[in-house]
Amino acid sequence: MLTQEQTPTVPELIYPESDGKPIADNTEQFQWIVTIKGNLELLFAPFAEVFVAGDLLWYPVGGNNRLCQAPDVMVAFGRPKGRRGSYLQWLEGNIPPQVVFEILSPSNTLAEMSKKLEFYDRYGVEEYYLYNPDRADLTGWLRSDGRLSVIEQIAGWVSPRLGVRFDLSGAELQIFSPSGDRFLTFVELGQQRQQAETQLEQERQHRQVLEAKLREMGIDPNQL
């Protein structure tokens, strides 16, 4: 009796959502990652097709779950916002992140950073920014003639994709949105909001005092 030979089942390839490495090595590095990622999310909040992520594994080639990087911050134009366990490029319209940021930490080696630059260059990143907070040093690369080339004058540079400006005139990097607003930390944003709320409350109380005085004088403030 003949039996039909069965085709062995090939297990589905798993793309891990973690590389087992910490997001940051120290508080300053983590603060920069959170600040850049959060402010870029705020900047592009009105745009449904701009995806911003931090420390998300990016797999550029289907069928290879060893080939990946997790940029500290990445921005993908043309991709919808939403939750992802990883960025599987072949499921994202084959669109690579166009802009990536890395924040240097003491544990990063020259070989490691060279490997990252090679990866970003090979797989289509258009703008790559590397910031060393210990030295307040920013290096940028822009894709030109099919490859990433160093941006010679990075101070005052305006990102073609993001529209943000990099200022190195102070003790540390400052990033400004297209409207001229400086990227703020979460604490600074909270303080700014509290100040605005306090000012509004003071104005409300001042208005109430004036209205009370007008009424004492027999004047209806609602008729003014």
N, C-alpha and C. Protein backbone atom coordinates (compact mmCIF):
# COMPACT_ATOMS: atom_id res chain seq x y z
N MET A 1 0.84 -1.18 0.00
CA MET A 1 0.00 0.00 0.00
C MET A 1 0.88 1.24 0.00
N LEU A 2 0.64 2.14 -0.96
CA LEU A 2 1.44 3.35 -1.07
C LEU A 2 0.87 4.43 -0.17
N THR A 3 1.76 5.16 0.47
CA THR A 3 1.34 6.29 1.30
C THR A 3 1.96 7.57 0.75
N GLN A 4 1.20 8.64 0.77
CA GLN A 4 1.70 9.91 0.27
C GLN A 4 2.70 10.49 1.26
N GLU A 5 3.86 10.87 0.72
CA GLU A 5 4.89 11.43 1.58
C GLU A 5 4.45 12.81 2.08
N GLN A 6 4.52 12.99 3.36
CA GLN A 6 4.11 14.26 3.93
C GLN A 6 5.26 15.25 3.96
N THR A 7 4.93 16.53 3.67
CA THR A 7 5.94 17.59 3.72
C THR A 7 6.12 18.02 5.17
N PRO A 8 7.33 18.01 5.63
CA PRO A 8 7.56 18.39 7.03
C PRO A 8 7.12 19.84 7.28
N THR A 9 6.56 20.09 8.44
CA THR A 9 6.12 21.43 8.81
C THR A 9 7.31 22.27 9.24
N VAL A 10 7.44 23.43 8.61
CA VAL A 10 8.53 24.34 8.95
C VAL A 10 8.03 25.29 10.04
N PRO A 11 8.67 25.32 11.18
CA PRO A 11 8.22 26.20 12.27
C PRO A 11 8.30 27.67 11.85
N GLU A 12 7.31 28.43 12.29
CA GLU A 12 7.29 29.86 11.97
C GLU A 12 8.45 30.56 12.66
N LEU A 13 9.11 31.42 11.92
CA LEU A 13 10.26 32.13 12.46
C LEU A 13 9.78 33.19 13.45
N ILE A 14 10.41 33.23 14.61
CA ILE A 14 10.06 34.19 15.65
C ILE A 14 11.05 35.35 15.63
N TYR A 15 10.51 36.56 15.68
CA TYR A 15 11.34 37.76 15.72
C TYR A 15 11.24 38.33 17.13
N PRO A 16 12.25 38.12 17.95
CA PRO A 16 12.19 38.57 19.35
C PRO A 16 11.90 40.06 19.46
N GLU A 17 11.17 40.42 20.50
CA GLU A 17 10.83 41.82 20.73
C GLU A 17 11.76 42.47 21.74
N SER A 18 12.77 41.73 22.17
CA SER A 18 13.77 42.28 23.09
C SER A 18 15.13 41.68 22.77
N ASP A 19 16.16 42.50 22.88
CA ASP A 19 17.51 41.99 22.67
C ASP A 19 18.22 41.72 23.98
N GLY A 20 17.48 41.88 25.10
CA GLY A 20 18.06 41.60 26.41
C GLY A 20 18.95 42.69 26.95
N LYS A 21 19.08 43.78 26.21
CA LYS A 21 19.94 44.88 26.65
C LYS A 21 19.09 45.98 27.28
N PRO A 22 19.65 46.70 28.26
CA PRO A 22 18.89 47.79 28.88
C PRO A 22 18.68 48.94 27.90
N ILE A 23 17.61 49.71 28.12
CA ILE A 23 17.36 50.86 27.27
C ILE A 23 18.50 51.86 27.38
N ALA A 24 18.99 52.08 28.59
CA ALA A 24 20.05 53.05 28.81
C ALA A 24 20.98 52.56 29.91
N ASP A 25 22.21 53.09 29.92
CA ASP A 25 23.20 52.72 30.92
C ASP A 25 23.18 53.66 32.12
N ASN A 26 22.61 54.85 31.96
CA ASN A 26 22.61 55.82 33.05
C ASN A 26 21.43 56.76 32.90
N THR A 27 21.22 57.57 33.92
CA THR A 27 20.04 58.44 33.94
C THR A 27 20.08 59.50 32.85
N GLU A 28 21.26 60.03 32.56
CA GLU A 28 21.35 61.09 31.55
C GLU A 28 21.02 60.56 30.16
N GLN A 29 21.57 59.40 29.83
CA GLN A 29 21.26 58.80 28.54
C GLN A 29 19.77 58.54 28.41
N PHE A 30 19.17 58.00 29.47
CA PHE A 30 17.73 57.71 29.44
C PHE A 30 16.92 59.00 29.29
N GLN A 31 17.35 60.06 29.98
CA GLN A 31 16.64 61.33 29.89
C GLN A 31 16.64 61.87 28.47
N TRP A 32 17.78 61.78 27.81
CA TRP A 32 17.86 62.26 26.43
C TRP A 32 16.97 61.44 25.49
N ILE A 33 16.97 60.14 25.67
CA ILE A 33 16.13 59.27 24.83
C ILE A 33 14.67 59.64 25.00
N VAL A 34 14.23 59.75 26.27
CA VAL A 34 12.84 60.07 26.56
C VAL A 34 12.47 61.45 26.03
N THR A 35 13.37 62.42 26.21
CA THR A 35 13.08 63.80 25.77
C THR A 35 12.95 63.89 24.26
N ILE A 36 13.89 63.31 23.54
CA ILE A 36 13.83 63.37 22.07
C ILE A 36 12.62 62.62 21.55
N LYS A 37 12.40 61.41 22.05
CA LYS A 37 11.27 60.61 21.59
C LYS A 37 9.94 61.30 21.90
N GLY A 38 9.79 61.79 23.12
CA GLY A 38 8.54 62.43 23.52
C GLY A 38 8.25 63.70 22.76
N ASN A 39 9.26 64.53 22.55
CA ASN A 39 9.05 65.78 21.82
C ASN A 39 8.77 65.54 20.34
N LEU A 40 9.38 64.52 19.77
CA LEU A 40 9.07 64.19 18.38
C LEU A 40 7.65 63.66 18.25
N GLU A 41 7.21 62.87 19.22
CA GLU A 41 5.82 62.41 19.22
C GLU A 41 4.86 63.59 19.31
N LEU A 42 5.20 64.55 20.14
CA LEU A 42 4.37 65.75 20.29
C LEU A 42 4.36 66.55 19.00
N LEU A 43 5.53 66.68 18.38
CA LEU A 43 5.65 67.45 17.14
C LEU A 43 4.80 66.86 16.02
N PHE A 44 4.79 65.53 15.93
CA PHE A 44 4.09 64.87 14.83
C PHE A 44 2.75 64.25 15.25
N ALA A 45 2.26 64.66 16.42
CA ALA A 45 0.97 64.14 16.89
C ALA A 45 -0.16 64.38 15.90
N PRO A 46 -0.21 65.52 15.18
CA PRO A 46 -1.31 65.74 14.24
C PRO A 46 -1.24 64.89 12.97
N PHE A 47 -0.13 64.20 12.77
CA PHE A 47 0.08 63.46 11.52
C PHE A 47 -0.06 61.96 11.77
N ALA A 48 -1.10 61.38 11.20
CA ALA A 48 -1.41 59.97 11.45
C ALA A 48 -0.36 59.03 10.86
N GLU A 49 0.32 59.48 9.82
CA GLU A 49 1.26 58.59 9.12
C GLU A 49 2.71 58.89 9.46
N VAL A 50 2.96 59.21 10.72
CA VAL A 50 4.34 59.37 11.21
C VAL A 50 4.47 58.55 12.48
N PHE A 51 5.30 57.52 12.44
CA PHE A 51 5.48 56.61 13.57
C PHE A 51 6.80 56.92 14.28
N VAL A 52 6.73 57.18 15.59
CA VAL A 52 7.91 57.47 16.40
C VAL A 52 8.04 56.41 17.48
N ALA A 53 9.25 55.90 17.66
CA ALA A 53 9.44 54.85 18.67
C ALA A 53 10.80 55.00 19.33
N GLY A 54 10.92 54.43 20.52
CA GLY A 54 12.18 54.41 21.24
C GLY A 54 12.57 52.99 21.61
N ASP A 55 13.82 52.64 21.35
CA ASP A 55 14.36 51.33 21.71
C ASP A 55 13.51 50.18 21.17
N LEU A 56 13.08 50.31 19.93
CA LEU A 56 12.26 49.28 19.28
C LEU A 56 13.12 48.51 18.29
N LEU A 57 13.10 47.19 18.39
CA LEU A 57 13.88 46.38 17.46
C LEU A 57 13.35 46.52 16.03
N TRP A 58 14.25 46.80 15.13
CA TRP A 58 13.94 46.97 13.71
C TRP A 58 14.58 45.82 12.93
N TYR A 59 13.72 45.02 12.29
CA TYR A 59 14.19 43.93 11.44
C TYR A 59 13.98 44.35 9.98
N PRO A 60 15.05 44.58 9.23
CA PRO A 60 14.88 45.07 7.86
C PRO A 60 14.59 43.99 6.83
N VAL A 61 14.94 42.75 7.12
CA VAL A 61 14.83 41.68 6.12
C VAL A 61 14.04 40.51 6.68
N GLY A 62 12.96 40.14 6.01
CA GLY A 62 12.18 38.99 6.42
C GLY A 62 12.97 37.70 6.27
N GLY A 63 12.78 36.77 7.21
CA GLY A 63 13.48 35.49 7.14
C GLY A 63 14.80 35.49 7.86
N ASN A 64 15.19 36.64 8.43
CA ASN A 64 16.44 36.72 9.17
C ASN A 64 16.17 37.42 10.50
N ASN A 65 16.06 36.63 11.56
CA ASN A 65 15.75 37.22 12.86
C ASN A 65 16.99 37.54 13.69
N ARG A 66 18.14 37.46 13.06
CA ARG A 66 19.38 37.85 13.72
C ARG A 66 19.83 39.25 13.26
N LEU A 67 19.28 39.68 12.14
CA LEU A 67 19.67 40.95 11.57
C LEU A 67 18.73 42.04 12.08
N CYS A 68 19.19 42.81 13.06
CA CYS A 68 18.32 43.84 13.65
C CYS A 68 19.14 44.86 14.42
N GLN A 69 18.51 45.99 14.66
CA GLN A 69 19.06 47.03 15.53
C GLN A 69 17.89 47.65 16.27
N ALA A 70 18.19 48.26 17.42
CA ALA A 70 17.16 48.96 18.20
C ALA A 70 17.63 50.39 18.41
N PRO A 71 17.35 51.28 17.47
CA PRO A 71 17.76 52.68 17.65
C PRO A 71 17.16 53.27 18.92
N ASP A 72 17.91 54.16 19.56
CA ASP A 72 17.37 54.80 20.76
C ASP A 72 16.07 55.52 20.44
N VAL A 73 16.04 56.20 19.30
CA VAL A 73 14.82 56.83 18.79
C VAL A 73 14.80 56.66 17.29
N MET A 74 13.63 56.36 16.74
CA MET A 74 13.51 56.26 15.29
C MET A 74 12.19 56.86 14.84
N VAL A 75 12.20 57.39 13.62
CA VAL A 75 11.01 58.00 13.04
C VAL A 75 10.80 57.41 11.65
N ALA A 76 9.58 56.91 11.41
CA ALA A 76 9.23 56.33 10.11
C ALA A 76 8.08 57.12 9.51
N PHE A 77 8.36 57.87 8.48
CA PHE A 77 7.33 58.61 7.77
C PHE A 77 6.61 57.67 6.80
N GLY A 78 5.28 57.83 6.72
CA GLY A 78 4.50 56.97 5.84
C GLY A 78 4.00 55.72 6.52
N ARG A 79 4.21 55.62 7.84
CA ARG A 79 3.72 54.46 8.60
C ARG A 79 2.79 54.95 9.72
N PRO A 80 1.69 54.26 9.95
CA PRO A 80 0.70 54.71 10.93
C PRO A 80 1.20 54.57 12.36
N LYS A 81 0.67 55.41 13.22
CA LYS A 81 0.96 55.28 14.63
C LYS A 81 0.32 53.99 15.14
N GLY A 82 0.74 53.56 16.32
CA GLY A 82 0.14 52.36 16.90
C GLY A 82 1.17 51.50 17.59
N ARG A 83 0.66 50.53 18.36
CA ARG A 83 1.55 49.66 19.12
C ARG A 83 2.25 48.65 18.22
N ARG A 84 3.52 48.42 18.49
CA ARG A 84 4.29 47.39 17.79
C ARG A 84 5.23 46.74 18.78
N GLY A 85 5.39 45.43 18.66
CA GLY A 85 6.37 44.74 19.48
C GLY A 85 7.76 44.85 18.88
N SER A 86 7.80 45.04 17.56
CA SER A 86 9.04 45.28 16.82
C SER A 86 8.64 45.88 15.48
N TYR A 87 9.62 46.39 14.76
CA TYR A 87 9.35 47.00 13.47
C TYR A 87 9.83 46.03 12.39
N LEU A 88 8.87 45.28 11.82
CA LEU A 88 9.17 44.31 10.77
C LEU A 88 8.98 45.02 9.43
N GLN A 89 10.07 45.38 8.82
CA GLN A 89 10.02 46.30 7.67
C GLN A 89 9.17 45.78 6.52
N TRP A 90 9.21 44.48 6.26
CA TRP A 90 8.45 43.92 5.13
C TRP A 90 6.95 43.97 5.38
N LEU A 91 6.54 44.19 6.64
CA LEU A 91 5.13 44.37 6.96
C LEU A 91 4.76 45.85 7.09
N GLU A 92 5.73 46.70 6.86
CA GLU A 92 5.55 48.15 6.99
C GLU A 92 5.71 48.84 5.64
N GLY A 93 5.22 48.16 4.58
CA GLY A 93 5.35 48.74 3.25
C GLY A 93 6.78 48.79 2.77
N ASN A 94 7.64 48.00 3.42
CA ASN A 94 9.09 47.99 3.15
C ASN A 94 9.70 49.37 3.31
N ILE A 95 9.14 50.15 4.24
CA ILE A 95 9.65 51.49 4.53
C ILE A 95 10.58 51.43 5.74
N PRO A 96 11.85 51.77 5.57
CA PRO A 96 12.75 51.80 6.73
C PRO A 96 12.55 53.08 7.52
N PRO A 97 12.92 53.11 8.78
CA PRO A 97 12.92 54.38 9.51
C PRO A 97 13.84 55.37 8.78
N GLN A 98 13.33 56.55 8.49
CA GLN A 98 14.15 57.51 7.76
C GLN A 98 15.11 58.27 8.66
N VAL A 99 14.75 58.41 9.94
CA VAL A 99 15.59 59.16 10.87
C VAL A 99 15.82 58.34 12.13
N VAL A 100 17.06 58.26 12.57
CA VAL A 100 17.36 57.56 13.82
C VAL A 100 18.30 58.42 14.68
N PHE A 101 18.15 58.25 16.00
CA PHE A 101 19.02 58.90 16.98
C PHE A 101 19.65 57.83 17.86
N GLU A 102 20.92 58.04 18.19
CA GLU A 102 21.59 57.22 19.19
C GLU A 102 22.21 58.16 20.22
N ILE A 103 22.05 57.82 21.50
CA ILE A 103 22.66 58.58 22.59
C ILE A 103 23.81 57.74 23.13
N LEU A 104 24.99 58.26 23.04
CA LEU A 104 26.19 57.51 23.41
C LEU A 104 26.26 57.33 24.93
N SER A 105 26.70 56.16 25.35
CA SER A 105 26.93 55.89 26.77
C SER A 105 28.37 55.40 26.94
N PRO A 106 28.90 55.44 28.16
CA PRO A 106 30.29 55.02 28.38
C PRO A 106 30.58 53.59 27.93
N SER A 107 29.56 52.74 27.93
CA SER A 107 29.80 51.33 27.58
C SER A 107 29.86 51.09 26.07
N ASN A 108 29.42 52.05 25.28
CA ASN A 108 29.44 51.88 23.83
C ASN A 108 30.88 51.86 23.32
N THR A 109 31.20 50.90 22.48
CA THR A 109 32.54 50.79 21.91
C THR A 109 32.56 51.35 20.49
N LEU A 110 33.75 51.67 20.01
CA LEU A 110 33.90 52.16 18.66
C LEU A 110 33.43 51.13 17.65
N ALA A 111 33.74 49.86 17.91
CA ALA A 111 33.33 48.78 17.01
C ALA A 111 31.81 48.68 16.95
N GLU A 112 31.17 48.81 18.11
CA GLU A 112 29.70 48.73 18.17
C GLU A 112 29.06 49.86 17.38
N MET A 113 29.57 51.10 17.56
CA MET A 113 28.97 52.25 16.88
C MET A 113 29.27 52.22 15.39
N SER A 114 30.41 51.68 15.01
CA SER A 114 30.74 51.54 13.59
C SER A 114 29.79 50.54 12.93
N LYS A 115 29.46 49.48 13.67
CA LYS A 115 28.53 48.47 13.17
C LYS A 115 27.13 49.07 12.99
N LYS A 116 26.72 49.93 13.92
CA LYS A 116 25.42 50.57 13.81
C LYS A 116 25.38 51.50 12.60
N LEU A 117 26.42 52.28 12.42
CA LEU A 117 26.49 53.18 11.27
C LEU A 117 26.40 52.39 9.96
N GLU A 118 27.11 51.28 9.90
CA GLU A 118 27.08 50.43 8.71
C GLU A 118 25.68 49.87 8.47
N PHE A 119 25.01 49.47 9.55
CA PHE A 119 23.64 48.94 9.45
C PHE A 119 22.70 50.02 8.92
N TYR A 120 22.74 51.20 9.51
CA TYR A 120 21.84 52.28 9.10
C TYR A 120 22.11 52.72 7.66
N ASP A 121 23.38 52.70 7.30
CA ASP A 121 23.75 53.06 5.93
C ASP A 121 23.21 52.02 4.95
N ARG A 122 23.37 50.76 5.26
CA ARG A 122 22.98 49.69 4.35
C ARG A 122 21.48 49.57 4.18
N TYR A 123 20.74 49.83 5.25
CA TYR A 123 19.30 49.54 5.19
C TYR A 123 18.41 50.78 5.07
N GLY A 124 18.96 51.88 4.58
CA GLY A 124 18.13 52.96 4.07
C GLY A 124 17.82 54.14 4.95
N VAL A 125 18.48 54.26 6.11
CA VAL A 125 18.26 55.45 6.95
C VAL A 125 18.72 56.69 6.18
N GLU A 126 17.92 57.75 6.24
CA GLU A 126 18.26 58.99 5.54
C GLU A 126 19.04 59.97 6.41
N GLU A 127 18.72 59.97 7.71
CA GLU A 127 19.41 60.87 8.64
C GLU A 127 19.73 60.10 9.92
N TYR A 128 20.98 60.22 10.35
CA TYR A 128 21.42 59.53 11.56
C TYR A 128 22.14 60.54 12.45
N TYR A 129 21.68 60.65 13.71
CA TYR A 129 22.27 61.60 14.65
C TYR A 129 22.78 60.85 15.88
N LEU A 130 24.04 61.12 16.22
CA LEU A 130 24.69 60.48 17.36
C LEU A 130 25.13 61.56 18.34
N TYR A 131 24.58 61.51 19.56
CA TYR A 131 24.91 62.54 20.54
C TYR A 131 25.64 61.94 21.73
N ASN A 132 26.73 62.59 22.11
CA ASN A 132 27.50 62.20 23.29
C ASN A 132 27.25 63.25 24.37
N PRO A 133 26.38 62.97 25.36
CA PRO A 133 26.05 63.98 26.37
C PRO A 133 27.22 64.34 27.28
N ASP A 134 28.16 63.42 27.45
CA ASP A 134 29.32 63.71 28.31
C ASP A 134 30.20 64.80 27.72
N ARG A 135 30.23 64.87 26.40
CA ARG A 135 31.07 65.86 25.73
C ARG A 135 30.25 66.92 25.00
N ALA A 136 28.93 66.83 25.11
CA ALA A 136 28.04 67.74 24.38
C ALA A 136 28.41 67.77 22.90
N ASP A 137 28.64 66.58 22.37
CA ASP A 137 29.13 66.46 20.99
C ASP A 137 28.08 65.75 20.13
N LEU A 138 27.69 66.39 19.05
CA LEU A 138 26.70 65.83 18.13
C LEU A 138 27.35 65.58 16.77
N THR A 139 27.14 64.39 16.25
CA THR A 139 27.59 64.05 14.90
C THR A 139 26.37 63.62 14.10
N GLY A 140 26.31 64.06 12.86
CA GLY A 140 25.17 63.71 12.02
C GLY A 140 25.61 63.19 10.67
N TRP A 141 24.79 62.33 10.10
CA TRP A 141 25.01 61.80 8.76
C TRP A 141 23.74 62.00 7.94
N LEU A 142 23.91 62.34 6.69
CA LEU A 142 22.80 62.55 5.77
C LEU A 142 23.02 61.71 4.52
N ARG A 143 21.97 61.05 4.05
CA ARG A 143 22.12 60.22 2.86
C ARG A 143 22.29 61.10 1.64
N SER A 144 23.35 60.83 0.91
CA SER A 144 23.66 61.57 -0.31
C SER A 144 24.34 60.62 -1.28
N ASP A 145 23.85 60.60 -2.52
CA ASP A 145 24.40 59.70 -3.54
C ASP A 145 24.36 58.25 -3.07
N GLY A 146 23.27 57.89 -2.37
CA GLY A 146 23.06 56.50 -2.00
C GLY A 146 23.76 56.03 -0.75
N ARG A 147 24.41 56.94 -0.01
CA ARG A 147 25.10 56.51 1.21
C ARG A 147 25.05 57.62 2.25
N LEU A 148 25.25 57.24 3.51
CA LEU A 148 25.28 58.22 4.59
C LEU A 148 26.64 58.91 4.62
N SER A 149 26.61 60.23 4.58
CA SER A 149 27.83 61.03 4.63
C SER A 149 27.76 61.98 5.81
N VAL A 150 28.91 62.26 6.41
CA VAL A 150 28.96 63.12 7.59
C VAL A 150 28.50 64.53 7.23
N ILE A 151 27.69 65.11 8.12
CA ILE A 151 27.27 66.50 7.97
C ILE A 151 28.41 67.36 8.51
N GLU A 152 29.04 68.12 7.65
CA GLU A 152 30.24 68.85 8.03
C GLU A 152 29.94 69.93 9.07
N GLN A 153 28.87 70.68 8.90
CA GLN A 153 28.52 71.75 9.83
C GLN A 153 27.21 71.40 10.53
N ILE A 154 27.34 70.77 11.70
CA ILE A 154 26.15 70.28 12.39
C ILE A 154 25.53 71.34 13.29
N ALA A 155 26.34 72.30 13.78
CA ALA A 155 25.80 73.37 14.63
C ALA A 155 24.85 74.23 13.81
N GLY A 156 23.62 74.36 14.28
CA GLY A 156 22.63 75.13 13.55
C GLY A 156 21.95 74.35 12.43
N TRP A 157 22.29 73.08 12.32
CA TRP A 157 21.74 72.24 11.25
C TRP A 157 20.23 72.04 11.44
N VAL A 158 19.51 72.08 10.33
CA VAL A 158 18.08 71.83 10.34
C VAL A 158 17.82 70.51 9.61
N SER A 159 17.20 69.58 10.32
CA SER A 159 16.90 68.27 9.74
C SER A 159 15.95 68.40 8.56
N PRO A 160 16.31 67.89 7.39
CA PRO A 160 15.42 67.96 6.23
C PRO A 160 14.09 67.24 6.47
N ARG A 161 14.12 66.12 7.17
CA ARG A 161 12.91 65.34 7.41
C ARG A 161 12.08 65.87 8.57
N LEU A 162 12.75 66.19 9.67
CA LEU A 162 12.05 66.56 10.90
C LEU A 162 11.75 68.05 10.98
N GLY A 163 12.59 68.84 10.35
CA GLY A 163 12.42 70.28 10.43
C GLY A 163 12.94 70.87 11.73
N VAL A 164 13.57 70.07 12.60
CA VAL A 164 14.08 70.56 13.87
C VAL A 164 15.50 71.10 13.67
N ARG A 165 15.87 72.02 14.56
CA ARG A 165 17.20 72.65 14.48
C ARG A 165 18.03 72.25 15.69
N PHE A 166 19.31 71.96 15.45
CA PHE A 166 20.24 71.55 16.50
C PHE A 166 21.15 72.72 16.87
N ASP A 167 21.15 73.09 18.15
CA ASP A 167 21.94 74.21 18.64
C ASP A 167 22.99 73.70 19.62
N LEU A 168 24.26 73.97 19.35
CA LEU A 168 25.35 73.51 20.19
C LEU A 168 26.10 74.68 20.83
N SER A 169 25.47 75.84 20.91
CA SER A 169 26.14 77.03 21.42
C SER A 169 26.25 77.03 22.95
N GLY A 170 25.45 76.24 23.64
CA GLY A 170 25.47 76.21 25.10
C GLY A 170 26.27 75.05 25.66
N ALA A 171 25.99 74.72 26.91
CA ALA A 171 26.73 73.66 27.59
C ALA A 171 26.29 72.28 27.13
N GLU A 172 25.10 72.19 26.52
CA GLU A 172 24.61 70.92 26.03
C GLU A 172 23.75 71.16 24.79
N LEU A 173 23.47 70.09 24.09
CA LEU A 173 22.65 70.18 22.89
C LEU A 173 21.27 70.71 23.22
N GLN A 174 20.78 71.60 22.36
CA GLN A 174 19.40 72.04 22.43
C GLN A 174 18.77 71.79 21.06
N ILE A 175 17.55 71.30 21.08
CA ILE A 175 16.83 71.01 19.84
C ILE A 175 15.59 71.88 19.80
N PHE A 176 15.35 72.51 18.67
CA PHE A 176 14.21 73.42 18.52
C PHE A 176 13.28 72.92 17.42
N SER A 177 12.00 72.99 17.70
CA SER A 177 10.99 72.60 16.71
C SER A 177 10.93 73.64 15.61
N PRO A 178 10.24 73.35 14.50
CA PRO A 178 10.11 74.33 13.41
C PRO A 178 9.49 75.65 13.86
N SER A 179 8.68 75.62 14.93
CA SER A 179 8.06 76.85 15.44
C SER A 179 9.00 77.64 16.34
N GLY A 180 10.18 77.07 16.64
CA GLY A 180 11.14 77.75 17.49
C GLY A 180 11.09 77.36 18.94
N ASP A 181 10.19 76.44 19.30
CA ASP A 181 10.08 75.98 20.69
C ASP A 181 11.16 74.95 20.99
N ARG A 182 11.81 75.11 22.14
CA ARG A 182 12.86 74.18 22.54
C ARG A 182 12.26 72.87 23.02
N PHE A 183 12.91 71.76 22.69
CA PHE A 183 12.51 70.47 23.22
C PHE A 183 12.69 70.50 24.74
N LEU A 184 11.62 70.20 25.46
CA LEU A 184 11.63 70.24 26.91
C LEU A 184 11.55 68.85 27.50
N THR A 185 12.10 68.69 28.71
CA THR A 185 11.96 67.43 29.42
C THR A 185 10.52 67.34 29.94
N PHE A 186 10.14 66.15 30.40
CA PHE A 186 8.80 65.96 30.94
C PHE A 186 8.56 66.90 32.13
N VAL A 187 9.59 67.04 32.98
CA VAL A 187 9.47 67.93 34.13
C VAL A 187 9.28 69.37 33.69
N GLU A 188 10.06 69.81 32.71
CA GLU A 188 9.94 71.18 32.20
C GLU A 188 8.57 71.42 31.60
N LEU A 189 8.06 70.44 30.88
CA LEU A 189 6.71 70.57 30.30
C LEU A 189 5.67 70.69 31.41
N GLY A 190 5.84 69.89 32.47
CA GLY A 190 4.91 69.96 33.59
C GLY A 190 4.98 71.31 34.29
N GLN A 191 6.20 71.82 34.49
CA GLN A 191 6.37 73.12 35.13
C GLN A 191 5.77 74.23 34.28
N GLN A 192 5.97 74.13 32.97
CA GLN A 192 5.40 75.13 32.07
C GLN A 192 3.88 75.12 32.16
N ARG A 193 3.30 73.96 32.23
CA ARG A 193 1.84 73.85 32.35
C ARG A 193 1.36 74.43 33.68
N GLN A 194 2.09 74.12 34.75
CA GLN A 194 1.71 74.64 36.07
C GLN A 194 1.79 76.16 36.09
N GLN A 195 2.82 76.72 35.47
CA GLN A 195 2.97 78.17 35.42
C GLN A 195 1.81 78.82 34.67
N ALA A 196 1.41 78.18 33.56
CA ALA A 196 0.29 78.71 32.78
C ALA A 196 -1.00 78.65 33.58
N GLU A 197 -1.20 77.54 34.30
CA GLU A 197 -2.41 77.40 35.11
C GLU A 197 -2.41 78.41 36.26
N THR A 198 -1.23 78.63 36.86
CA THR A 198 -1.13 79.61 37.95
C THR A 198 -1.43 81.01 37.45
N GLN A 199 -0.91 81.33 36.27
CA GLN A 199 -1.16 82.65 35.69
C GLN A 199 -2.64 82.85 35.39
N LEU A 200 -3.28 81.83 34.86
CA LEU A 200 -4.72 81.92 34.58
C LEU A 200 -5.52 82.11 35.86
N GLU A 201 -5.13 81.41 36.93
CA GLU A 201 -5.83 81.54 38.20
C GLU A 201 -5.65 82.94 38.79
N GLN A 202 -4.44 83.48 38.68
CA GLN A 202 -4.19 84.82 39.18
C GLN A 202 -5.01 85.86 38.40
N GLU A 203 -5.10 85.66 37.09
CA GLU A 203 -5.89 86.58 36.27
C GLU A 203 -7.37 86.47 36.63
N ARG A 204 -7.83 85.24 36.92
CA ARG A 204 -9.24 85.05 37.30
C ARG A 204 -9.53 85.75 38.62
N GLN A 205 -8.63 85.60 39.60
CA GLN A 205 -8.83 86.24 40.89
C GLN A 205 -8.78 87.76 40.78
N HIS A 206 -7.87 88.27 39.96
CA HIS A 206 -7.76 89.72 39.75
C HIS A 206 -9.04 90.26 39.12
N ARG A 207 -9.60 89.50 38.17
CA ARG A 207 -10.83 89.93 37.52
C ARG A 207 -12.00 89.95 38.52
N GLN A 208 -12.03 88.96 39.42
CA GLN A 208 -13.09 88.90 40.42
C GLN A 208 -13.01 90.10 41.36
N VAL A 209 -11.79 90.50 41.75
CA VAL A 209 -11.61 91.66 42.64
C VAL A 209 -12.11 92.93 41.95
N LEU A 210 -11.74 93.09 40.67
CA LEU A 210 -12.18 94.27 39.93
C LEU A 210 -13.69 94.31 39.80
N GLU A 211 -14.30 93.15 39.52
CA GLU A 211 -15.75 93.10 39.37
C GLU A 211 -16.44 93.44 40.69
N ALA A 212 -15.85 92.98 41.81
CA ALA A 212 -16.44 93.28 43.12
C ALA A 212 -16.39 94.79 43.40
N LYS A 213 -15.28 95.43 43.05
CA LYS A 213 -15.15 96.87 43.27
C LYS A 213 -16.14 97.65 42.41
N LEU A 214 -16.32 97.19 41.17
CA LEU A 214 -17.28 97.87 40.28
C LEU A 214 -18.70 97.77 40.85
N ARG A 215 -19.02 96.60 41.38
CA ARG A 215 -20.37 96.43 41.94
C ARG A 215 -20.57 97.33 43.17
N GLU A 216 -19.49 97.50 43.99
CA GLU A 216 -19.56 98.40 45.14
C GLU A 216 -19.85 99.83 44.68
N MET A 217 -19.40 100.14 43.47
CA MET A 217 -19.62 101.50 42.93
C MET A 217 -20.95 101.59 42.17
N GLY A 218 -21.73 100.50 42.22
CA GLY A 218 -23.01 100.49 41.55
C GLY A 218 -22.92 100.26 40.07
N ILE A 219 -21.82 99.70 39.62
CA ILE A 219 -21.61 99.44 38.19
C ILE A 219 -21.68 97.94 37.94
N ASP A 220 -22.52 97.55 36.99
CA ASP A 220 -22.61 96.14 36.62
C ASP A 220 -21.51 95.82 35.62
N PRO A 221 -20.49 94.98 36.01
CA PRO A 221 -19.37 94.69 35.11
C PRO A 221 -19.81 93.96 33.84
N ASN A 222 -20.97 93.29 33.90
CA ASN A 222 -21.46 92.57 32.72
C ASN A 222 -21.98 93.51 31.64
N GLN A 223 -22.21 94.76 32.04
CA GLN A 223 -22.73 95.73 31.08
C GLN A 223 -21.61 96.55 30.43
N LEU A 224 -20.39 96.30 30.84
CA LEU A 224 -19.27 97.05 30.28
C LEU A 224 -18.80 96.44 28.96
